[in-house]
Protein backbone atom coordinates (compact mmCIF):
# COMPACT_ATOMS: atom_id res chain seq x y z
CA MET A 1 59.90 -6.71 -9.12
CA SER A 2 62.59 -9.32 -9.58
CA THR A 3 62.03 -11.86 -6.78
CA PHE A 4 59.14 -13.54 -5.00
CA ALA A 5 60.38 -12.04 -1.73
CA GLU A 6 59.68 -8.56 -3.10
CA LEU A 7 56.06 -9.59 -3.72
CA GLY A 8 55.56 -9.89 0.04
CA LEU A 9 55.10 -13.67 0.15
CA LEU A 10 55.58 -15.59 3.39
CA PRO A 11 58.92 -17.36 3.89
CA GLU A 12 57.14 -20.73 3.76
CA LEU A 13 55.76 -19.89 0.33
CA GLN A 14 59.08 -18.52 -0.91
CA LYS A 15 60.77 -21.75 0.12
CA ALA A 16 58.13 -23.88 -1.60
CA VAL A 17 58.46 -21.86 -4.80
CA ALA A 18 62.23 -22.23 -4.70
CA ASP A 19 61.83 -26.00 -4.28
CA GLU A 20 59.86 -25.99 -7.56
CA GLY A 21 62.78 -24.30 -9.28
CA TYR A 22 61.21 -20.86 -9.74
CA THR A 23 63.28 -17.79 -8.92
CA THR A 24 61.66 -14.92 -10.82
CA PRO A 25 57.92 -14.23 -11.02
CA THR A 26 56.33 -14.03 -14.45
CA PRO A 27 54.60 -10.78 -15.51
CA ILE A 28 51.13 -12.08 -14.59
CA GLN A 29 52.43 -13.18 -11.18
CA ALA A 30 54.22 -9.90 -10.53
CA GLN A 31 51.06 -7.91 -11.28
CA ALA A 32 48.37 -10.17 -9.78
CA ILE A 33 49.92 -11.44 -6.53
CA PRO A 34 50.09 -8.07 -4.70
CA VAL A 35 46.54 -7.19 -5.80
CA VAL A 36 45.11 -10.53 -4.63
CA ILE A 37 46.99 -10.28 -1.32
CA ALA A 38 45.37 -6.86 -0.85
CA GLY A 39 41.93 -8.52 -1.07
CA ARG A 40 40.79 -6.96 -4.36
CA ASP A 41 38.68 -8.73 -6.97
CA VAL A 42 40.73 -9.49 -10.07
CA MET A 43 40.00 -10.06 -13.74
CA GLY A 44 43.27 -11.60 -14.92
CA GLY A 45 44.16 -12.45 -18.48
CA ALA A 46 47.33 -14.10 -19.76
CA GLN A 47 48.22 -16.55 -22.48
CA THR A 48 48.59 -20.14 -21.32
CA GLY A 49 51.98 -21.23 -20.04
CA THR A 50 52.75 -17.94 -18.29
CA GLY A 51 52.27 -19.06 -14.68
CA LYS A 52 48.64 -18.04 -14.31
CA THR A 53 47.90 -20.74 -11.71
CA ALA A 54 50.60 -19.52 -9.32
CA ALA A 55 49.31 -15.97 -9.78
CA PHE A 56 46.22 -16.89 -7.75
CA ALA A 57 47.40 -19.96 -5.81
CA LEU A 58 50.23 -18.22 -3.95
CA PRO A 59 48.23 -15.22 -2.68
CA ILE A 60 45.30 -17.48 -1.72
CA LEU A 61 47.65 -19.60 0.42
CA GLN A 62 49.04 -16.43 1.98
CA ARG A 63 45.52 -15.27 2.85
CA LEU A 64 44.58 -18.64 4.38
CA ALA A 65 47.85 -19.08 6.29
CA PRO A 66 46.40 -17.67 9.57
CA HIS A 67 43.80 -20.48 9.48
CA ALA A 68 46.41 -23.23 9.11
CA ASN A 69 46.29 -25.84 11.87
CA ALA A 70 47.15 -29.47 12.49
CA SER A 71 43.87 -30.38 14.19
CA MET A 72 42.24 -33.66 13.18
CA SER A 73 38.76 -32.22 13.59
CA PRO A 74 36.98 -31.62 10.24
CA ALA A 75 35.30 -28.59 11.80
CA ARG A 76 38.70 -26.89 11.98
CA HIS A 77 39.16 -27.32 8.23
CA PRO A 78 36.15 -25.81 6.43
CA VAL A 79 36.32 -24.98 2.73
CA ARG A 80 37.72 -21.44 2.57
CA ALA A 81 38.82 -21.29 -1.08
CA LEU A 82 36.91 -22.74 -4.04
CA ILE A 83 38.48 -22.99 -7.50
CA LEU A 84 36.30 -24.02 -10.45
CA THR A 85 37.89 -25.32 -13.65
CA PRO A 86 36.26 -26.61 -16.86
CA THR A 87 38.20 -29.87 -17.31
CA ARG A 88 39.46 -32.74 -15.18
CA GLU A 89 43.04 -32.32 -16.37
CA LEU A 90 43.12 -28.65 -15.44
CA ALA A 91 41.52 -29.36 -12.05
CA ALA A 92 44.17 -31.97 -11.27
CA GLN A 93 46.96 -29.62 -12.36
CA VAL A 94 45.68 -26.75 -10.23
CA GLN A 95 45.35 -28.96 -7.16
CA GLU A 96 48.90 -30.26 -7.66
CA SER A 97 50.11 -26.65 -7.70
CA PHE A 98 48.30 -25.87 -4.44
CA LYS A 99 49.73 -29.02 -2.88
CA ALA A 100 53.28 -28.12 -3.95
CA TYR A 101 53.10 -24.50 -2.83
CA SER A 102 51.53 -25.35 0.56
CA LYS A 103 54.06 -28.04 1.53
CA TYR A 104 55.34 -25.93 4.46
CA LEU A 105 51.87 -24.82 5.63
CA PRO A 106 49.36 -27.11 7.39
CA LEU A 107 46.60 -26.37 4.88
CA ARG A 108 44.59 -29.14 3.27
CA SER A 109 43.50 -29.28 -0.37
CA THR A 110 41.69 -31.78 -2.55
CA VAL A 111 40.16 -32.06 -6.01
CA VAL A 112 36.82 -33.45 -7.17
CA PHE A 113 35.87 -34.18 -10.77
CA GLY A 114 33.80 -36.65 -12.73
CA GLY A 115 34.83 -39.90 -14.37
CA VAL A 116 36.05 -41.49 -11.14
CA PRO A 117 34.26 -42.95 -8.09
CA MET A 118 32.81 -40.45 -5.64
CA ASP A 119 33.59 -42.37 -2.44
CA PRO A 120 37.27 -41.36 -2.09
CA GLN A 121 36.30 -37.75 -2.80
CA THR A 122 33.54 -37.92 -0.22
CA ALA A 123 35.99 -39.25 2.38
CA ALA A 124 38.39 -36.36 1.68
CA LEU A 125 35.60 -33.80 2.00
CA ARG A 126 34.40 -35.31 5.26
CA SER A 127 37.89 -35.08 6.76
CA GLY A 128 37.92 -31.34 6.05
CA VAL A 129 39.81 -29.25 3.48
CA GLU A 130 40.55 -25.54 3.25
CA ILE A 131 41.11 -25.51 -0.52
CA LEU A 132 38.75 -27.27 -2.93
CA VAL A 133 39.42 -27.52 -6.66
CA ALA A 134 36.51 -28.87 -8.69
CA THR A 135 34.73 -29.18 -11.99
CA PRO A 136 31.15 -27.84 -11.87
CA GLY A 137 29.24 -31.07 -12.49
CA ARG A 138 30.92 -33.20 -9.85
CA LEU A 139 30.79 -30.35 -7.31
CA LEU A 140 27.03 -30.17 -7.73
CA ASP A 141 26.84 -33.96 -7.31
CA HIS A 142 28.51 -33.69 -3.91
CA ALA A 143 26.35 -30.71 -2.98
CA GLN A 144 23.18 -32.67 -3.74
CA GLN A 145 24.38 -35.41 -1.38
CA LYS A 146 24.91 -32.80 1.37
CA MET A 147 28.65 -33.41 1.41
CA LEU A 148 29.55 -29.73 1.05
CA ASN A 149 29.20 -26.60 3.11
CA LEU A 150 30.41 -23.58 1.16
CA GLN A 151 29.21 -20.89 3.55
CA GLN A 152 32.72 -20.18 4.84
CA VAL A 153 34.33 -19.67 1.43
CA GLU A 154 36.47 -16.52 1.50
CA VAL A 155 37.94 -16.71 -2.03
CA PHE A 156 36.20 -17.92 -5.18
CA VAL A 157 38.22 -18.49 -8.37
CA LEU A 158 36.70 -19.05 -11.80
CA ASP A 159 39.54 -20.38 -13.95
CA GLU A 160 39.33 -20.53 -17.76
CA ALA A 161 35.99 -18.76 -17.78
CA ASP A 162 35.83 -18.67 -21.57
CA ARG A 163 36.13 -22.45 -21.71
CA MET A 164 33.34 -22.70 -19.14
CA LEU A 165 31.22 -20.72 -21.58
CA ASP A 166 32.18 -22.89 -24.55
CA MET A 167 31.36 -26.10 -22.69
CA GLY A 168 27.98 -24.86 -21.46
CA PHE A 169 28.92 -24.75 -17.76
CA ILE A 170 27.79 -21.20 -17.04
CA PRO A 171 24.34 -22.28 -15.67
CA ASP A 172 26.10 -24.70 -13.30
CA VAL A 173 28.55 -21.99 -12.29
CA LYS A 174 25.68 -19.67 -11.41
CA ARG A 175 24.08 -22.40 -9.27
CA ILE A 176 27.37 -22.84 -7.40
CA ILE A 177 27.80 -19.09 -6.91
CA ALA A 178 24.36 -19.05 -5.27
CA MET A 179 25.72 -21.45 -2.60
CA LEU A 180 28.52 -19.08 -1.61
CA PRO A 181 28.38 -16.32 1.00
CA PRO A 182 27.78 -12.90 -0.53
CA LYS A 183 30.88 -11.40 1.07
CA ARG A 184 33.94 -12.95 -0.54
CA GLN A 185 36.86 -12.22 -2.83
CA ASN A 186 36.34 -13.17 -6.49
CA LEU A 187 39.08 -13.91 -9.00
CA LEU A 188 38.39 -14.58 -12.66
CA PHE A 189 41.32 -15.82 -14.73
CA SER A 190 41.30 -16.77 -18.37
CA ALA A 191 43.60 -16.89 -21.36
CA THR A 192 41.03 -15.09 -23.53
CA PHE A 193 38.10 -12.78 -22.82
CA PRO A 194 35.17 -13.06 -25.22
CA ASP A 195 32.48 -10.42 -24.82
CA GLU A 196 30.17 -12.94 -23.10
CA VAL A 197 32.76 -13.55 -20.39
CA ARG A 198 33.21 -9.83 -19.86
CA ARG A 199 29.48 -9.56 -19.25
CA LEU A 200 29.75 -12.34 -16.67
CA THR A 201 32.40 -10.38 -14.80
CA GLN A 202 29.99 -7.49 -14.32
CA ALA A 203 27.74 -9.69 -12.21
CA LEU A 204 30.49 -11.63 -10.43
CA LEU A 205 33.26 -9.12 -9.69
CA HIS A 206 33.10 -6.01 -7.50
CA GLU A 207 35.28 -3.15 -8.71
CA PRO A 208 37.82 -5.58 -10.16
CA VAL A 209 41.41 -4.81 -10.99
CA SER A 210 42.15 -5.82 -14.58
CA VAL A 211 45.46 -7.60 -15.07
CA GLN A 212 46.19 -8.16 -18.76
CA VAL A 213 49.81 -8.99 -19.54
CA ALA A 214 49.23 -9.86 -23.21
CA PRO A 215 46.87 -8.57 -25.90
CA LYS A 216 43.56 -10.35 -26.29
CA HIS A 217 44.04 -13.73 -28.01
CA ALA A 218 47.83 -13.24 -28.14
CA THR A 219 50.05 -16.27 -28.61
CA ALA A 220 53.41 -16.96 -27.02
CA ASP A 221 56.29 -15.20 -28.78
CA LEU A 222 58.52 -18.26 -28.47
CA VAL A 223 56.17 -20.44 -30.54
CA GLU A 224 56.91 -20.73 -34.27
CA HIS A 225 53.74 -21.07 -36.37
CA LYS A 226 53.67 -22.96 -39.65
CA VAL A 227 51.01 -24.19 -42.09
CA HIS A 228 51.47 -27.13 -44.46
CA PRO A 229 48.80 -27.08 -47.22
CA VAL A 230 47.69 -30.63 -47.96
CA PRO A 231 44.51 -32.33 -49.21
CA ARG A 232 42.54 -34.03 -46.48
CA GLU A 233 43.12 -37.55 -47.79
CA ARG A 234 46.89 -37.09 -47.51
CA LYS A 235 47.02 -35.63 -44.01
CA ARG A 236 47.91 -38.85 -42.23
CA ASP A 237 50.69 -39.62 -44.71
CA LEU A 238 52.14 -36.15 -44.17
CA LEU A 239 51.85 -36.46 -40.39
CA VAL A 240 53.80 -39.73 -40.39
CA HIS A 241 56.37 -38.20 -42.75
CA ILE A 242 56.89 -35.18 -40.45
CA ILE A 243 57.28 -37.37 -37.35
CA ARG A 244 59.80 -39.65 -39.01
CA ALA A 245 61.70 -37.04 -41.03
CA ARG A 246 62.25 -34.82 -37.98
CA ASP A 247 62.70 -37.76 -35.63
CA ILE A 248 60.08 -36.30 -33.30
CA LYS A 249 60.01 -38.09 -29.95
CA GLN A 250 57.11 -36.21 -28.37
CA VAL A 251 54.25 -34.43 -30.11
CA LEU A 252 50.70 -33.48 -29.18
CA VAL A 253 48.32 -33.88 -32.14
CA PHE A 254 44.88 -32.27 -32.11
CA CYS A 255 41.79 -33.59 -33.86
CA ALA A 256 38.37 -31.96 -34.09
CA THR A 257 36.29 -34.93 -32.87
CA ARG A 258 36.56 -37.84 -30.46
CA LEU A 259 35.93 -40.36 -33.24
CA GLY A 260 38.63 -38.72 -35.34
CA ALA A 261 41.12 -38.88 -32.47
CA ASN A 262 40.44 -42.58 -31.91
CA ARG A 263 40.71 -43.35 -35.62
CA LEU A 264 43.95 -41.42 -36.07
CA ALA A 265 45.61 -43.04 -33.04
CA TYR A 266 44.62 -46.48 -34.37
CA GLN A 267 45.94 -45.72 -37.85
CA LEU A 268 49.22 -44.30 -36.53
CA ASN A 269 49.83 -47.44 -34.49
CA ARG A 270 49.08 -49.49 -37.59
CA ASP A 271 51.68 -47.39 -39.45
CA GLY A 272 54.28 -48.15 -36.81
CA VAL A 273 54.01 -44.85 -34.89
CA HIS A 274 53.26 -45.45 -31.19
CA ALA A 275 50.26 -43.27 -30.31
CA ALA A 276 47.52 -42.95 -27.69
CA ALA A 277 44.26 -40.99 -27.69
CA ILE A 278 42.81 -38.76 -24.99
CA HIS A 279 39.32 -37.21 -25.12
CA GLY A 280 36.05 -36.84 -23.25
CA ASP A 281 34.78 -40.36 -23.96
CA LYS A 282 37.78 -41.91 -22.23
CA SER A 283 37.46 -42.76 -18.56
CA GLN A 284 39.51 -40.65 -16.20
CA GLN A 285 41.81 -43.58 -15.49
CA GLU A 286 42.40 -44.08 -19.22
CA ARG A 287 43.16 -40.39 -19.65
CA ILE A 288 45.60 -40.39 -16.73
CA GLU A 289 47.37 -43.50 -18.03
CA ALA A 290 47.69 -42.07 -21.55
CA LEU A 291 49.03 -38.76 -20.26
CA ASP A 292 51.49 -40.42 -17.88
CA ALA A 293 52.78 -42.68 -20.67
CA PHE A 294 53.21 -39.63 -22.91
CA LYS A 295 55.09 -37.65 -20.26
CA ALA A 296 57.31 -40.66 -19.52
CA GLY A 297 58.20 -41.06 -23.21
CA LYS A 298 56.54 -44.46 -23.52
CA VAL A 299 54.17 -43.00 -26.13
CA GLY A 300 55.55 -40.56 -28.67
CA VAL A 301 52.27 -39.21 -30.04
CA LEU A 302 49.30 -38.12 -27.94
CA VAL A 303 46.21 -37.55 -30.09
CA ALA A 304 43.74 -35.27 -28.35
CA THR A 305 40.59 -33.26 -28.77
CA ASP A 306 40.20 -29.76 -27.36
CA VAL A 307 39.50 -31.24 -23.93
CA ALA A 308 43.30 -31.41 -23.68
CA ALA A 309 43.93 -27.91 -24.99
CA ARG A 310 43.81 -26.58 -21.45
CA GLY A 311 45.15 -28.09 -18.29
CA LEU A 312 47.92 -30.17 -19.84
CA ASP A 313 51.26 -29.04 -18.43
CA ILE A 314 53.90 -31.04 -20.27
CA GLU A 315 57.45 -29.94 -19.58
CA ASP A 316 59.52 -29.01 -22.65
CA LEU A 317 56.91 -30.16 -25.18
CA PRO A 318 58.59 -29.28 -28.51
CA TYR A 319 55.75 -29.78 -31.00
CA VAL A 320 52.02 -29.29 -31.32
CA ILE A 321 50.41 -30.38 -34.59
CA ASN A 322 46.90 -29.39 -35.61
CA TYR A 323 45.79 -32.38 -37.65
CA GLU A 324 42.47 -30.57 -37.98
CA LEU A 325 41.90 -26.91 -37.23
CA PRO A 326 39.62 -26.11 -34.28
CA ASN A 327 36.07 -24.88 -34.79
CA THR A 328 36.73 -21.64 -32.91
CA PRO A 329 39.84 -19.47 -33.39
CA GLU A 330 40.30 -19.05 -29.63
CA ASP A 331 40.90 -22.79 -29.27
CA TYR A 332 43.91 -22.45 -31.57
CA VAL A 333 45.47 -20.18 -28.93
CA HIS A 334 44.89 -22.78 -26.22
CA ARG A 335 46.14 -25.67 -28.34
CA ILE A 336 49.47 -24.13 -29.21
CA GLY A 337 49.79 -22.91 -25.63
CA ARG A 338 50.82 -26.46 -24.73
CA THR A 339 54.26 -25.71 -26.25
CA GLY A 340 56.56 -22.73 -25.75
CA ARG A 341 55.82 -22.69 -22.01
CA ALA A 342 57.87 -21.18 -19.20
CA GLY A 343 60.38 -19.48 -21.50
CA LYS A 344 60.95 -22.55 -23.72
CA THR A 345 60.66 -22.51 -27.51
CA GLY A 346 58.15 -24.59 -29.44
CA GLU A 347 56.68 -25.18 -32.87
CA ALA A 348 53.01 -25.26 -33.83
CA VAL A 349 52.32 -26.97 -37.16
CA SER A 350 48.91 -27.01 -38.84
CA LEU A 351 47.96 -29.41 -41.64
CA VAL A 352 45.39 -27.40 -43.58
CA SER A 353 43.18 -28.82 -46.32
CA PRO A 354 41.27 -26.64 -48.81
CA ASP A 355 38.02 -26.93 -46.87
CA GLU A 356 39.74 -25.38 -43.81
CA HIS A 357 40.95 -22.17 -45.46
CA GLU A 358 38.13 -20.15 -43.93
CA LYS A 359 39.00 -21.41 -40.44
CA LEU A 360 42.65 -20.51 -41.04
CA ALA A 361 41.69 -16.98 -42.06
CA ASP A 362 39.65 -16.61 -38.84
CA ILE A 363 42.61 -17.81 -36.77
CA GLU A 364 44.99 -15.35 -38.41
CA LYS A 365 42.51 -12.54 -37.86
CA THR A 366 42.15 -13.50 -34.20
CA ILE A 367 45.87 -13.76 -33.40
CA LYS A 368 46.66 -10.78 -35.68
CA LYS A 369 49.39 -12.70 -37.42
CA GLN A 370 49.78 -14.28 -40.85
CA ILE A 371 51.10 -17.81 -40.58
CA VAL A 372 53.82 -18.93 -42.98
CA ARG A 373 52.72 -21.47 -45.60
CA GLU A 374 55.20 -24.19 -46.47
CA ILE A 375 54.46 -26.97 -48.93
CA VAL A 376 56.21 -30.22 -48.07
CA PRO A 377 57.66 -31.73 -51.29
CA GLY A 378 55.57 -34.66 -52.40
CA TYR A 379 52.63 -33.72 -50.16
CA GLY A 380 51.44 -30.47 -51.68
CA PRO A 381 47.99 -30.10 -53.23
CA ASP A 382 49.02 -31.18 -56.77
CA ALA A 383 51.26 -34.05 -55.69
CA ALA A 384 48.69 -35.26 -53.22
CA ARG A 385 45.96 -35.24 -55.84
CA ALA A 386 48.14 -37.28 -58.16
CA SER A 387 48.92 -39.72 -55.35
CA SER A 388 45.23 -40.20 -54.67
CA LEU A 389 44.86 -41.51 -58.22
CA MET A 390 47.42 -44.26 -57.74
CA PRO A 391 46.01 -47.78 -58.17
CA GLU A 392 46.48 -48.72 -54.54
CA HIS A 393 44.32 -45.78 -53.41
CA SER A 394 41.59 -46.60 -55.93
CA GLU A 395 41.74 -50.26 -54.94
CA ARG A 396 41.25 -49.46 -51.27
CA ARG A 397 38.33 -47.15 -52.01
CA ARG A 398 36.68 -49.77 -54.25
CA ASP A 399 37.16 -52.55 -51.68
CA ARG A 400 35.66 -50.40 -48.95
CA ARG A 401 32.70 -49.47 -51.17
CA ASP A 402 32.14 -53.10 -52.10
CA ARG A 403 32.10 -54.15 -48.44
CA GLU A 404 29.54 -51.47 -47.63
CA GLU A 405 27.33 -52.47 -50.57
CA SER A 406 27.55 -56.15 -49.65
CA LYS A 407 26.20 -55.36 -46.19
CA LEU A 408 23.17 -53.63 -47.74
CA THR A 409 22.36 -56.03 -50.59
CA GLY A 410 23.77 -59.30 -49.32
CA GLN A 411 25.54 -59.72 -52.68
CA SER A 412 28.96 -58.79 -53.93
CA ARG A 413 29.65 -56.30 -56.72
CA PRO A 414 31.31 -57.90 -59.78
CA ALA A 415 34.95 -57.03 -60.26
CA PRO A 416 35.42 -54.14 -62.73
CA SER A 417 36.84 -54.86 -66.15
CA PRO A 418 40.56 -54.26 -66.40
CA ARG A 419 41.69 -51.11 -68.19
CA GLN A 420 42.60 -51.68 -71.80
CA PRO A 421 46.34 -51.46 -72.58
CA GLY A 422 47.33 -48.09 -73.91
CA LYS A 423 44.20 -46.36 -72.64
CA PRO A 424 45.20 -43.37 -70.51
CA ALA A 425 44.31 -43.57 -66.86
CA GLY A 426 41.83 -40.87 -65.97
CA LYS A 427 40.22 -39.83 -62.72
CA PRO A 428 38.73 -42.90 -60.99
CA VAL A 429 35.01 -43.05 -61.57
CA ASP A 430 32.53 -44.19 -58.97
CA PRO A 431 30.27 -46.66 -60.84
CA ILE A 432 27.40 -46.01 -58.42
CA PHE A 433 27.21 -42.23 -58.40
CA SER A 434 28.59 -41.33 -61.85
CA GLN A 435 26.31 -43.42 -64.11
CA PRO A 436 22.53 -43.50 -64.51
CA TYR A 437 20.78 -46.45 -63.02
CA ARG A 438 20.32 -49.31 -65.53
CA GLU A 439 18.27 -52.40 -64.91
CA THR A 440 20.90 -54.76 -66.27
CA GLU A 441 23.51 -53.56 -63.73
CA ARG A 442 21.70 -55.06 -60.79
CA ALA A 443 23.45 -57.91 -59.08
CA GLY A 444 21.78 -61.13 -60.07
CA ALA A 445 19.81 -59.63 -63.02
CA SER A 446 19.76 -61.68 -66.25
CA ALA A 447 19.96 -60.24 -69.77
CA ALA A 448 17.69 -63.01 -71.09
CA PRO A 449 15.45 -64.32 -68.34
CA ALA A 450 13.34 -66.38 -70.79
CA ALA A 451 16.33 -68.54 -71.66
CA SER A 452 16.86 -69.59 -68.09
CA THR A 453 16.11 -73.24 -67.32
CA GLU A 454 16.37 -72.87 -63.56
CA PRO A 455 13.15 -73.33 -61.60
CA LYS A 456 11.54 -70.05 -60.66
CA LYS A 457 12.24 -69.14 -57.05
CA PRO A 458 9.76 -67.47 -54.75
CA GLN A 459 10.06 -63.68 -54.80
CA ARG A 460 10.60 -61.37 -51.87
CA GLN A 461 11.24 -57.66 -51.52
CA VAL A 462 14.67 -56.39 -50.48
CA ALA A 463 16.23 -52.94 -50.32
CA ALA A 464 18.61 -52.37 -53.26
CA LEU A 465 21.38 -49.84 -52.94
CA LEU A 466 19.96 -46.53 -54.24
CA GLY A 467 17.44 -48.51 -56.25
CA GLY A 468 14.40 -48.52 -54.02
CA VAL A 469 12.42 -51.71 -53.51
CA ARG A 470 12.84 -54.47 -56.06
CA LYS A 471 12.05 -58.15 -56.54
CA THR A 472 14.77 -60.75 -56.36
CA GLY A 473 15.19 -64.41 -55.71
CA SER A 474 15.37 -65.72 -52.18
């Protein structure tokens, strides 16, 4: 099929799709839309960025079109379609799609998710909506306050089911399913299908039609993959070099942890690279502001955890950089799916340190592709190791260690003796962990206590760094 009209969509939906600039359905849309319109349960799989949301949003709107009305009575607008998503960003994106596609139909939609006040959401639910997009936790919050009646739901969509599994939402999903009427249409869409998700489909779907337009864990063909080997301590230097050398104006950088994302964003700003962080510890307002600034070009680097791997739809995003590889290979697929979307090309760069080689092997096995290795001159393993031995690096490490020791002992470590002229510089040695403990090395210890003429001070016990309990002056 070559046009949306050939899929049997209503003129109102065809016009709305045209307003969004779409003329030809993607493979997942061409296969899924007729099946969903026919009322069949669907297990749909497609890599991110292929139009998966429209594949279920358009036929759902077509099915609900006979119920469309302009009445002000909430009773005339019960929830008839429920879409569950794992993240706030994805929920907001899905609801925006429903709103855009239904602009010529009097159907109401809203979204509920955590991190924001409940009152505006409660007001929207009380006024009546036919289409509800939600995250599991906040939906259950509204259900406990008796704000929801899901007994008229005709279509239930579980989007990104594998992510639901990863985030531990499956028990909540099962509680929500128990609130729905037994007779309904079920659609399960996901970019990947782990075995656990396939088992879930057996209980949820009734004689489903499987729509798989790409192999399991496949990545977009228009995305170029590349690995830069680099020791961990040189990753930030290489990241800044790549951004400046390629004059990158917009890049999404992934870290493994929330703390790491915050730290990297802070350090990049300190290095003169304008960056913002987005992760689960940020409030929803902070996440919206960071994403809006990134889309508007006010921030060139958006540092994110895997919470942003799904649901972020950034037009023409040219680069995704894995500052740290994800813990699960499937998340690599979702991360790089933020670029190379809707027929556009993109580049996915991974900065891989020696301790991540096993993760890289798992990723290559999952995507069935060997990623090209490319050493950046001056940042390869050997050059990076040599750079880490430069005096400024050793100085920073020593200063940081001294500050930490001072907090524990209340005393400062004496400055190390300067290196003798002509003596070759070797690997920097940690004076705490590389030498046996000697009594005379303690701060404040005297080589000849008997010769001291100072009055003896009262003794008290303090904790000495790695030295147990000792006696010292007050």
